[in-house]
């Protein structure tokens, strides 16, 4: 069974590589797809993610406080870009 695992920070990466990946691949015998090892160089990141999800029977997302903070920052950036765009258009 192929699984795609997504994680969002270096701290998550360390935990993932040392614990989760070893457990899933070596102890349970699953095939696991991760970004740094299995994505196709030269393809857009979203294409790689879409391909990994489509080929996998399961997808696991490692979500931590660091990821949560980065999501909040991204939302704020999108909001501020939207506000700036509206101001420039006179809305």
PDB file of N, CA and C in Angstrom:
ATOM      1  N   UNK A   1       0.851  -1.174   0.000  1.00  0.00           N
ATOM      2  CA  UNK A   1       0.000   0.000   0.000  1.00  0.00           C
ATOM      3  C   UNK A   1       0.893   1.232   0.000  1.00  0.00           C
ATOM      4  N   UNK A   2       0.641   2.165  -0.916  1.00  0.00           N
ATOM      5  CA  UNK A   2       1.390   3.408  -0.978  1.00  0.00           C
ATOM      6  C   UNK A   2       0.690   4.461  -0.143  1.00  0.00           C
ATOM      7  N   UNK A   3       1.465   5.168   0.668  1.00  0.00           N
ATOM      8  CA  UNK A   3       0.965   6.277   1.473  1.00  0.00           C
ATOM      9  C   UNK A   3       1.748   7.523   1.125  1.00  0.00           C
ATOM     10  N   UNK A   4       1.044   8.657   1.062  1.00  0.00           N
ATOM     11  CA  UNK A   4       1.698   9.951   0.898  1.00  0.00           C
ATOM     12  C   UNK A   4       1.661  10.647   2.240  1.00  0.00           C
ATOM     13  N   UNK A   5       2.818  11.145   2.687  1.00  0.00           N
ATOM     14  CA  UNK A   5       2.888  11.851   3.956  1.00  0.00           C
ATOM     15  C   UNK A   5       3.391  13.258   3.706  1.00  0.00           C
ATOM     16  N   UNK A   6       2.635  14.217   4.224  1.00  0.00           N
ATOM     17  CA  UNK A   6       2.979  15.622   4.080  1.00  0.00           C
ATOM     18  C   UNK A   6       3.284  16.198   5.457  1.00  0.00           C
ATOM     19  N   UNK A   7       4.378  16.927   5.552  1.00  0.00           N
ATOM     20  CA  UNK A   7       4.729  17.600   6.803  1.00  0.00           C
ATOM     21  C   UNK A   7       5.307  18.954   6.457  1.00  0.00           C
ATOM     22  N   UNK A   8       5.132  19.913   7.368  1.00  0.00           N
ATOM     23  CA  UNK A   8       5.386  21.284   6.976  1.00  0.00           C
ATOM     24  C   UNK A   8       6.568  22.014   7.562  1.00  0.00           C
ATOM     25  N   UNK A   9       7.339  21.426   8.435  1.00  0.00           N
ATOM     26  CA  UNK A   9       8.450  22.168   9.024  1.00  0.00           C
ATOM     27  C   UNK A   9       9.638  21.242   9.248  1.00  0.00           C
ATOM     28  N   UNK A  10      10.800  21.835   9.508  1.00  0.00           N
ATOM     29  CA  UNK A  10      11.991  21.031   9.771  1.00  0.00           C
ATOM     30  C   UNK A  10      11.839  20.200  11.040  1.00  0.00           C
ATOM     31  N   UNK A  11      11.186  20.758  12.043  1.00  0.00           N
ATOM     32  CA  UNK A  11      10.979  19.998  13.286  1.00  0.00           C
ATOM     33  C   UNK A  11      10.085  18.790  13.011  1.00  0.00           C
ATOM     34  N   UNK A  12       9.043  18.987  12.200  1.00  0.00           N
ATOM     35  CA  UNK A  12       8.170  17.875  11.822  1.00  0.00           C
ATOM     36  C   UNK A  12       8.954  16.862  11.002  1.00  0.00           C
ATOM     37  N   UNK A  13       9.830  17.358  10.135  1.00  0.00           N
ATOM     38  CA  UNK A  13      10.649  16.492   9.284  1.00  0.00           C
ATOM     39  C   UNK A  13      11.508  15.563  10.125  1.00  0.00           C
ATOM     40  N   UNK A  14      12.157  16.094  11.134  1.00  0.00           N
ATOM     41  CA  UNK A  14      13.008  15.273  11.991  1.00  0.00           C
ATOM     42  C   UNK A  14      12.211  14.162  12.671  1.00  0.00           C
ATOM     43  N   UNK A  15      11.066  14.508  13.231  1.00  0.00           N
ATOM     44  CA  UNK A  15      10.203  13.519  13.878  1.00  0.00           C
ATOM     45  C   UNK A  15       9.736  12.490  12.860  1.00  0.00           C
ATOM     46  N   UNK A  16       9.318  12.990  11.714  1.00  0.00           N
ATOM     47  CA  UNK A  16       8.827  12.125  10.649  1.00  0.00           C
ATOM     48  C   UNK A  16       9.879  11.111  10.216  1.00  0.00           C
ATOM     49  N   UNK A  17      11.095  11.588   9.919  1.00  0.00           N
ATOM     50  CA  UNK A  17      12.145  10.718   9.401  1.00  0.00           C
ATOM     51  C   UNK A  17      12.640   9.721  10.455  1.00  0.00           C
ATOM     52  N   UNK A  18      12.730  10.163  11.691  1.00  0.00           N
ATOM     53  CA  UNK A  18      13.279   9.303  12.751  1.00  0.00           C
ATOM     54  C   UNK A  18      12.274   8.302  13.301  1.00  0.00           C
ATOM     55  N   UNK A  19      10.998   8.648  13.257  1.00  0.00           N
ATOM     56  CA  UNK A  19      10.010   7.801  13.929  1.00  0.00           C
ATOM     57  C   UNK A  19       8.937   7.251  12.986  1.00  0.00           C
ATOM     58  N   UNK A  20       8.184   8.132  12.389  1.00  0.00           N
ATOM     59  CA  UNK A  20       7.020   7.703  11.603  1.00  0.00           C
ATOM     60  C   UNK A  20       7.438   6.925  10.360  1.00  0.00           C
ATOM     61  N   UNK A  21       8.366   7.471   9.586  1.00  0.00           N
ATOM     62  CA  UNK A  21       8.785   6.815   8.350  1.00  0.00           C
ATOM     63  C   UNK A  21       9.409   5.446   8.620  1.00  0.00           C
ATOM     64  N   UNK A  22      10.266   5.378   9.608  1.00  0.00           N
ATOM     65  CA  UNK A  22      10.904   4.108   9.959  1.00  0.00           C
ATOM     66  C   UNK A  22       9.842   3.082  10.365  1.00  0.00           C
ATOM     67  N   UNK A  23       8.894   3.501  11.180  1.00  0.00           N
ATOM     68  CA  UNK A  23       7.841   2.588  11.634  1.00  0.00           C
ATOM     69  C   UNK A  23       6.999   2.087  10.464  1.00  0.00           C
ATOM     70  N   UNK A  24       6.542   3.011   9.615  1.00  0.00           N
ATOM     71  CA  UNK A  24       5.666   2.620   8.508  1.00  0.00           C
ATOM     72  C   UNK A  24       6.376   1.740   7.481  1.00  0.00           C
ATOM     73  N   UNK A  25       7.618   2.107   7.119  1.00  0.00           N
ATOM     74  CA  UNK A  25       8.308   1.360   6.068  1.00  0.00           C
ATOM     75  C   UNK A  25       8.976   0.091   6.583  1.00  0.00           C
ATOM     76  N   UNK A  26       9.697   0.198   7.671  1.00  0.00           N
ATOM     77  CA  UNK A  26      10.494  -0.943   8.125  1.00  0.00           C
ATOM     78  C   UNK A  26       9.708  -1.930   8.978  1.00  0.00           C
ATOM     79  N   UNK A  27       8.844  -1.409   9.837  1.00  0.00           N
ATOM     80  CA  UNK A  27       8.121  -2.320  10.718  1.00  0.00           C
ATOM     81  C   UNK A  27       6.806  -2.816  10.121  1.00  0.00           C
ATOM     82  N   UNK A  28       6.105  -1.959   9.395  1.00  0.00           N
ATOM     83  CA  UNK A  28       4.813  -2.357   8.830  1.00  0.00           C
ATOM     84  C   UNK A  28       4.891  -2.717   7.349  1.00  0.00           C
ATOM     85  N   UNK A  29       5.986  -2.363   6.695  1.00  0.00           N
ATOM     86  CA  UNK A  29       6.178  -2.731   5.301  1.00  0.00           C
ATOM     87  C   UNK A  29       5.420  -1.901   4.276  1.00  0.00           C
ATOM     88  N   UNK A  30       4.976  -0.710   4.643  1.00  0.00           N
ATOM     89  CA  UNK A  30       4.280   0.163   3.706  1.00  0.00           C
ATOM     90  C   UNK A  30       5.264   0.854   2.775  1.00  0.00           C
ATOM     91  N   UNK A  31       4.794   1.190   1.579  1.00  0.00           N
ATOM     92  CA  UNK A  31       5.537   2.074   0.680  1.00  0.00           C
ATOM     93  C   UNK A  31       5.065   3.488   0.974  1.00  0.00           C
ATOM     94  N   UNK A  32       5.999   4.376   1.244  1.00  0.00           N
ATOM     95  CA  UNK A  32       5.657   5.736   1.647  1.00  0.00           C
ATOM     96  C   UNK A  32       6.272   6.723   0.664  1.00  0.00           C
ATOM     97  N   UNK A  33       5.487   7.704   0.260  1.00  0.00           N
ATOM     98  CA  UNK A  33       5.958   8.779  -0.611  1.00  0.00           C
ATOM     99  C   UNK A  33       6.135  10.044   0.230  1.00  0.00           C
ATOM    100  N   UNK A  34       7.347  10.607   0.209  1.00  0.00           N
ATOM    101  CA  UNK A  34       7.602  11.878   0.884  1.00  0.00           C
ATOM    102  C   UNK A  34       8.271  12.831  -0.096  1.00  0.00           C
ATOM    103  N   UNK A  35       8.065  14.090   0.135  1.00  0.00           N
ATOM    104  CA  UNK A  35       8.520  15.136  -0.776  1.00  0.00           C
ATOM    105  C   UNK A  35       9.998  15.049  -1.114  1.00  0.00           C
ATOM    106  N   UNK A  36      10.855  15.130  -0.122  1.00  0.00           N
ATOM    107  CA  UNK A  36      12.294  15.264  -0.391  1.00  0.00           C
ATOM    108  C   UNK A  36      12.925  14.050  -1.058  1.00  0.00           C
ATOM    109  N   UNK A  37      12.305  12.934  -0.949  1.00  0.00           N
ATOM    110  CA  UNK A  37      12.875  11.709  -1.508  1.00  0.00           C
ATOM    111  C   UNK A  37      12.189  11.260  -2.795  1.00  0.00           C
ATOM    112  N   UNK A  38      10.895  11.478  -2.903  1.00  0.00           N
ATOM    113  CA  UNK A  38      10.128  10.824  -3.955  1.00  0.00           C
ATOM    114  C   UNK A  38       9.497  11.736  -5.004  1.00  0.00           C
ATOM    115  N   UNK A  39       9.538  13.034  -4.807  1.00  0.00           N
ATOM    116  CA  UNK A  39       8.928  13.928  -5.793  1.00  0.00           C
ATOM    117  C   UNK A  39       9.820  14.060  -7.017  1.00  0.00           C
ATOM    118  N   UNK A  40       9.201  14.274  -8.171  1.00  0.00           N
ATOM    119  CA  UNK A  40       9.882  14.405  -9.447  1.00  0.00           C
ATOM    120  C   UNK A  40      10.507  15.793  -9.567  1.00  0.00           C
ATOM    121  N   UNK A  41      11.830  15.862  -9.678  1.00  0.00           N
ATOM    122  CA  UNK A  41      12.483  17.173  -9.853  1.00  0.00           C
ATOM    123  C   UNK A  41      12.003  17.837 -11.144  1.00  0.00           C
ATOM    124  N   UNK A  42      11.821  19.139 -11.080  1.00  0.00           N
ATOM    125  CA  UNK A  42      11.403  19.893 -12.259  1.00  0.00           C
ATOM    126  C   UNK A  42       9.903  20.068 -12.398  1.00  0.00           C
ATOM    127  N   UNK A  43       9.127  19.234 -11.694  1.00  0.00           N
ATOM    128  CA  UNK A  43       7.672  19.390 -11.713  1.00  0.00           C
ATOM    129  C   UNK A  43       7.271  20.410 -10.661  1.00  0.00           C
ATOM    130  N   UNK A  44       6.167  21.082 -10.924  1.00  0.00           N
ATOM    131  CA  UNK A  44       5.646  22.009  -9.920  1.00  0.00           C
ATOM    132  C   UNK A  44       5.245  21.221  -8.672  1.00  0.00           C
ATOM    133  N   UNK A  45       5.428  21.845  -7.525  1.00  0.00           N
ATOM    134  CA  UNK A  45       5.155  21.171  -6.250  1.00  0.00           C
ATOM    135  C   UNK A  45       3.707  20.692  -6.181  1.00  0.00           C
ATOM    136  N   UNK A  46       2.766  21.501  -6.673  1.00  0.00           N
ATOM    137  CA  UNK A  46       1.363  21.093  -6.620  1.00  0.00           C
ATOM    138  C   UNK A  46       1.087  19.882  -7.502  1.00  0.00           C
ATOM    139  N   UNK A  47       1.769  19.778  -8.642  1.00  0.00           N
ATOM    140  CA  UNK A  47       1.621  18.587  -9.485  1.00  0.00           C
ATOM    141  C   UNK A  47       2.137  17.353  -8.760  1.00  0.00           C
ATOM    142  N   UNK A  48       3.290  17.492  -8.106  1.00  0.00           N
ATOM    143  CA  UNK A  48       3.849  16.366  -7.352  1.00  0.00           C
ATOM    144  C   UNK A  48       2.912  15.932  -6.233  1.00  0.00           C
ATOM    145  N   UNK A  49       2.351  16.906  -5.522  1.00  0.00           N
ATOM    146  CA  UNK A  49       1.431  16.575  -4.431  1.00  0.00           C
ATOM    147  C   UNK A  49       0.193  15.880  -4.984  1.00  0.00           C
ATOM    148  N   UNK A  50      -0.374  16.417  -6.061  1.00  0.00           N
ATOM    149  CA  UNK A  50      -1.563  15.814  -6.661  1.00  0.00           C
ATOM    150  C   UNK A  50      -1.278  14.385  -7.126  1.00  0.00           C
ATOM    151  N   UNK A  51      -0.158  14.181  -7.792  1.00  0.00           N
ATOM    152  CA  UNK A  51       0.202  12.832  -8.250  1.00  0.00           C
ATOM    153  C   UNK A  51       0.365  11.874  -7.074  1.00  0.00           C
ATOM    154  N   UNK A  52       1.023  12.341  -6.016  1.00  0.00           N
ATOM    155  CA  UNK A  52       1.234  11.484  -4.842  1.00  0.00           C
ATOM    156  C   UNK A  52      -0.091  11.088  -4.201  1.00  0.00           C
ATOM    157  N   UNK A  53      -1.002  12.045  -4.087  1.00  0.00           N
ATOM    158  CA  UNK A  53      -2.308  11.751  -3.482  1.00  0.00           C
ATOM    159  C   UNK A  53      -3.099  10.784  -4.354  1.00  0.00           C
ATOM    160  N   UNK A  54      -3.086  11.020  -5.662  1.00  0.00           N
ATOM    161  CA  UNK A  54      -3.842  10.151  -6.572  1.00  0.00           C
ATOM    162  C   UNK A  54      -3.311   8.718  -6.584  1.00  0.00           C
ATOM    163  N   UNK A  55      -2.008   8.543  -6.454  1.00  0.00           N
ATOM    164  CA  UNK A  55      -1.408   7.209  -6.497  1.00  0.00           C
ATOM    165  C   UNK A  55      -1.469   6.488  -5.150  1.00  0.00           C
ATOM    166  N   UNK A  56      -1.728   7.229  -4.101  1.00  0.00           N
ATOM    167  CA  UNK A  56      -1.709   6.654  -2.752  1.00  0.00           C
ATOM    168  C   UNK A  56      -3.084   6.177  -2.326  1.00  0.00           C
ATOM    169  N   UNK A  57      -3.082   5.147  -1.518  1.00  0.00           N
ATOM    170  CA  UNK A  57      -4.353   4.678  -0.937  1.00  0.00           C
ATOM    171  C   UNK A  57      -4.684   5.459   0.319  1.00  0.00           C
ATOM    172  N   UNK A  58      -3.654   6.017   0.960  1.00  0.00           N
ATOM    173  CA  UNK A  58      -3.830   6.806   2.182  1.00  0.00           C
ATOM    174  C   UNK A  58      -2.932   8.034   2.111  1.00  0.00           C
ATOM    175  N   UNK A  59      -3.400   9.132   2.721  1.00  0.00           N
ATOM    176  CA  UNK A  59      -2.602  10.345   2.842  1.00  0.00           C
ATOM    177  C   UNK A  59      -2.573  10.730   4.311  1.00  0.00           C
ATOM    178  N   UNK A  60      -1.376  11.006   4.806  1.00  0.00           N
ATOM    179  CA  UNK A  60      -1.206  11.398   6.202  1.00  0.00           C
ATOM    180  C   UNK A  60      -0.610  12.795   6.217  1.00  0.00           C
ATOM    181  N   UNK A  61      -1.206  13.697   6.987  1.00  0.00           N
ATOM    182  CA  UNK A  61      -0.664  15.049   7.154  1.00  0.00           C
ATOM    183  C   UNK A  61      -0.181  15.188   8.588  1.00  0.00           C
ATOM    184  N   UNK A  62       1.092  15.532   8.754  1.00  0.00           N
ATOM    185  CA  UNK A  62       1.646  15.781  10.078  1.00  0.00           C
ATOM    186  C   UNK A  62       1.443  17.266  10.370  1.00  0.00           C
ATOM    187  N   UNK A  63       0.565  17.575  11.313  1.00  0.00           N
ATOM    188  CA  UNK A  63       0.230  18.961  11.632  1.00  0.00           C
ATOM    189  C   UNK A  63       0.719  19.260  13.040  1.00  0.00           C
ATOM    190  N   UNK A  64       1.500  20.302  13.154  1.00  0.00           N
ATOM    191  CA  UNK A  64       2.031  20.698  14.458  1.00  0.00           C
ATOM    192  C   UNK A  64       1.742  22.176  14.683  1.00  0.00           C
ATOM    193  N   UNK A  65       2.167  22.683  15.820  1.00  0.00           N
ATOM    194  CA  UNK A  65       1.994  24.107  16.090  1.00  0.00           C
ATOM    195  C   UNK A  65       2.735  24.956  15.068  1.00  0.00           C
ATOM    196  N   UNK A  66       3.898  24.488  14.634  1.00  0.00           N
ATOM    197  CA  UNK A  66       4.657  25.241  13.636  1.00  0.00           C
ATOM    198  C   UNK A  66       3.886  25.354  12.330  1.00  0.00           C
ATOM    199  N   UNK A  67       3.262  24.275  11.912  1.00  0.00           N
ATOM    200  CA  UNK A  67       2.464  24.300  10.685  1.00  0.00           C
ATOM    201  C   UNK A  67       1.264  25.205  10.885  1.00  0.00           C
ATOM    202  N   UNK A  68       0.630  25.095  12.030  1.00  0.00           N
ATOM    203  CA  UNK A  68      -0.535  25.930  12.315  1.00  0.00           C
ATOM    204  C   UNK A  68      -0.166  27.405  12.237  1.00  0.00           C
ATOM    205  N   UNK A  69       0.983  27.774  12.780  1.00  0.00           N
ATOM    206  CA  UNK A  69       1.439  29.168  12.720  1.00  0.00           C
ATOM    207  C   UNK A  69       1.689  29.593  11.288  1.00  0.00           C
ATOM    208  N   UNK A  70       2.314  28.738  10.490  1.00  0.00           N
ATOM    209  CA  UNK A  70       2.599  29.110   9.103  1.00  0.00           C
ATOM    210  C   UNK A  70       1.314  29.235   8.299  1.00  0.00           C
ATOM    211  N   UNK A  71       0.299  28.428   8.604  1.00  0.00           N
ATOM    212  CA  UNK A  71      -0.992  28.547   7.928  1.00  0.00           C
ATOM    213  C   UNK A  71      -1.630  29.885   8.278  1.00  0.00           C
ATOM    214  N   UNK A  72      -1.566  30.253   9.547  1.00  0.00           N
ATOM    215  CA  UNK A  72      -2.118  31.548   9.965  1.00  0.00           C
ATOM    216  C   UNK A  72      -1.394  32.701   9.276  1.00  0.00           C
ATOM    217  N   UNK A  73      -0.071  32.607   9.171  1.00  0.00           N
ATOM    218  CA  UNK A  73       0.701  33.646   8.490  1.00  0.00           C
ATOM    219  C   UNK A  73       0.300  33.735   7.026  1.00  0.00           C
ATOM    220  N   UNK A  74       0.105  32.589   6.376  1.00  0.00           N
ATOM    221  CA  UNK A  74      -0.308  32.577   4.970  1.00  0.00           C
ATOM    222  C   UNK A  74      -1.686  33.212   4.805  1.00  0.00           C
ATOM    223  N   UNK A  75      -2.601  32.913   5.731  1.00  0.00           N
ATOM    224  CA  UNK A  75      -3.934  33.510   5.664  1.00  0.00           C
ATOM    225  C   UNK A  75      -3.844  35.023   5.816  1.00  0.00           C
ATOM    226  N   UNK A  76      -3.018  35.486   6.755  1.00  0.00           N
ATOM    227  CA  UNK A  76      -2.853  36.926   6.952  1.00  0.00           C
ATOM    228  C   UNK A  76      -2.249  37.579   5.715  1.00  0.00           C
ATOM    229  N   UNK A  77      -1.290  36.918   5.091  1.00  0.00           N
ATOM    230  CA  UNK A  77      -0.665  37.463   3.887  1.00  0.00           C
ATOM    231  C   UNK A  77      -1.696  37.558   2.767  1.00  0.00           C
ATOM    232  N   UNK A  78      -2.504  36.533   2.577  1.00  0.00           N
ATOM    233  CA  UNK A  78      -3.554  36.563   1.548  1.00  0.00           C
ATOM    234  C   UNK A  78      -4.551  37.677   1.829  1.00  0.00           C
ATOM    235  N   UNK A  79      -4.923  37.828   3.098  1.00  0.00           N
ATOM    236  CA  UNK A  79      -5.863  38.870   3.485  1.00  0.00           C
ATOM    237  C   UNK A  79      -5.272  40.242   3.207  1.00  0.00           C
ATOM    238  N   UNK A  80      -4.012  40.456   3.598  1.00  0.00           N
ATOM    239  CA  UNK A  80      -3.393  41.765   3.389  1.00  0.00           C
ATOM    240  C   UNK A  80      -3.210  42.049   1.900  1.00  0.00           C
ATOM    241  N   UNK A  81      -2.903  41.033   1.102  1.00  0.00           N
ATOM    242  CA  UNK A  81      -2.789  41.222  -0.352  1.00  0.00           C
ATOM    243  C   UNK A  81      -4.139  41.618  -0.939  1.00  0.00           C
ATOM    244  N   UNK A  82      -5.188  40.984  -0.453  1.00  0.00           N
ATOM    245  CA  UNK A  82      -6.533  41.287  -0.925  1.00  0.00           C
ATOM    246  C   UNK A  82      -6.915  42.717  -0.566  1.00  0.00           C
ATOM    247  N   UNK A  83      -6.594  43.139   0.648  1.00  0.00           N
ATOM    248  CA  UNK A  83      -6.891  44.502   1.086  1.00  0.00           C
ATOM    249  C   UNK A  83      -6.122  45.495   0.229  1.00  0.00           C
ATOM    250  N   UNK A  84      -4.830  45.247  -0.007  1.00  0.00           N
ATOM    251  CA  UNK A  84      -4.011  46.138  -0.832  1.00  0.00           C
ATOM    252  C   UNK A  84      -4.556  46.226  -2.251  1.00  0.00           C
ATOM    253  N   UNK A  85      -4.955  45.096  -2.804  1.00  0.00           N
ATOM    254  CA  UNK A  85      -5.507  45.066  -4.164  1.00  0.00           C
ATOM    255  C   UNK A  85      -6.796  45.886  -4.229  1.00  0.00           C
ATOM    256  N   UNK A  86      -7.642  45.730  -3.234  1.00  0.00           N
ATOM    257  CA  UNK A  86      -8.889  46.505  -3.195  1.00  0.00           C
ATOM    258  C   UNK A  86      -8.623  47.984  -3.066  1.00  0.00           C
ATOM    259  N   UNK A  87      -7.643  48.360  -2.249  1.00  0.00           N
ATOM    260  CA  UNK A  87      -7.283  49.773  -2.100  1.00  0.00           C
ATOM    261  C   UNK A  87      -6.773  50.349  -3.419  1.00  0.00           C
ATOM    262  N   UNK A  88      -5.957  49.561  -4.118  1.00  0.00           N
ATOM    263  CA  UNK A  88      -5.417  50.025  -5.395  1.00  0.00           C
ATOM    264  C   UNK A  88      -6.526  50.188  -6.434  1.00  0.00           C
ATOM    265  N   UNK A  89      -7.555  49.377  -6.343  1.00  0.00           N
ATOM    266  CA  UNK A  89      -8.657  49.454  -7.303  1.00  0.00           C
ATOM    267  C   UNK A  89      -9.714  50.454  -6.862  1.00  0.00           C
ATOM    268  N   UNK A  90      -9.501  51.088  -5.706  1.00  0.00           N
ATOM    269  CA  UNK A  90     -10.428  52.098  -5.216  1.00  0.00           C
ATOM    270  C   UNK A  90     -11.687  51.542  -4.610  1.00  0.00           C
ATOM    271  N   UNK A  91     -11.638  50.297  -4.130  1.00  0.00           N
ATOM    272  CA  UNK A  91     -12.831  49.682  -3.519  1.00  0.00           C
ATOM    273  C   UNK A  91     -12.888  49.984  -2.036  1.00  0.00           C
TER     274      UNK A  91
END
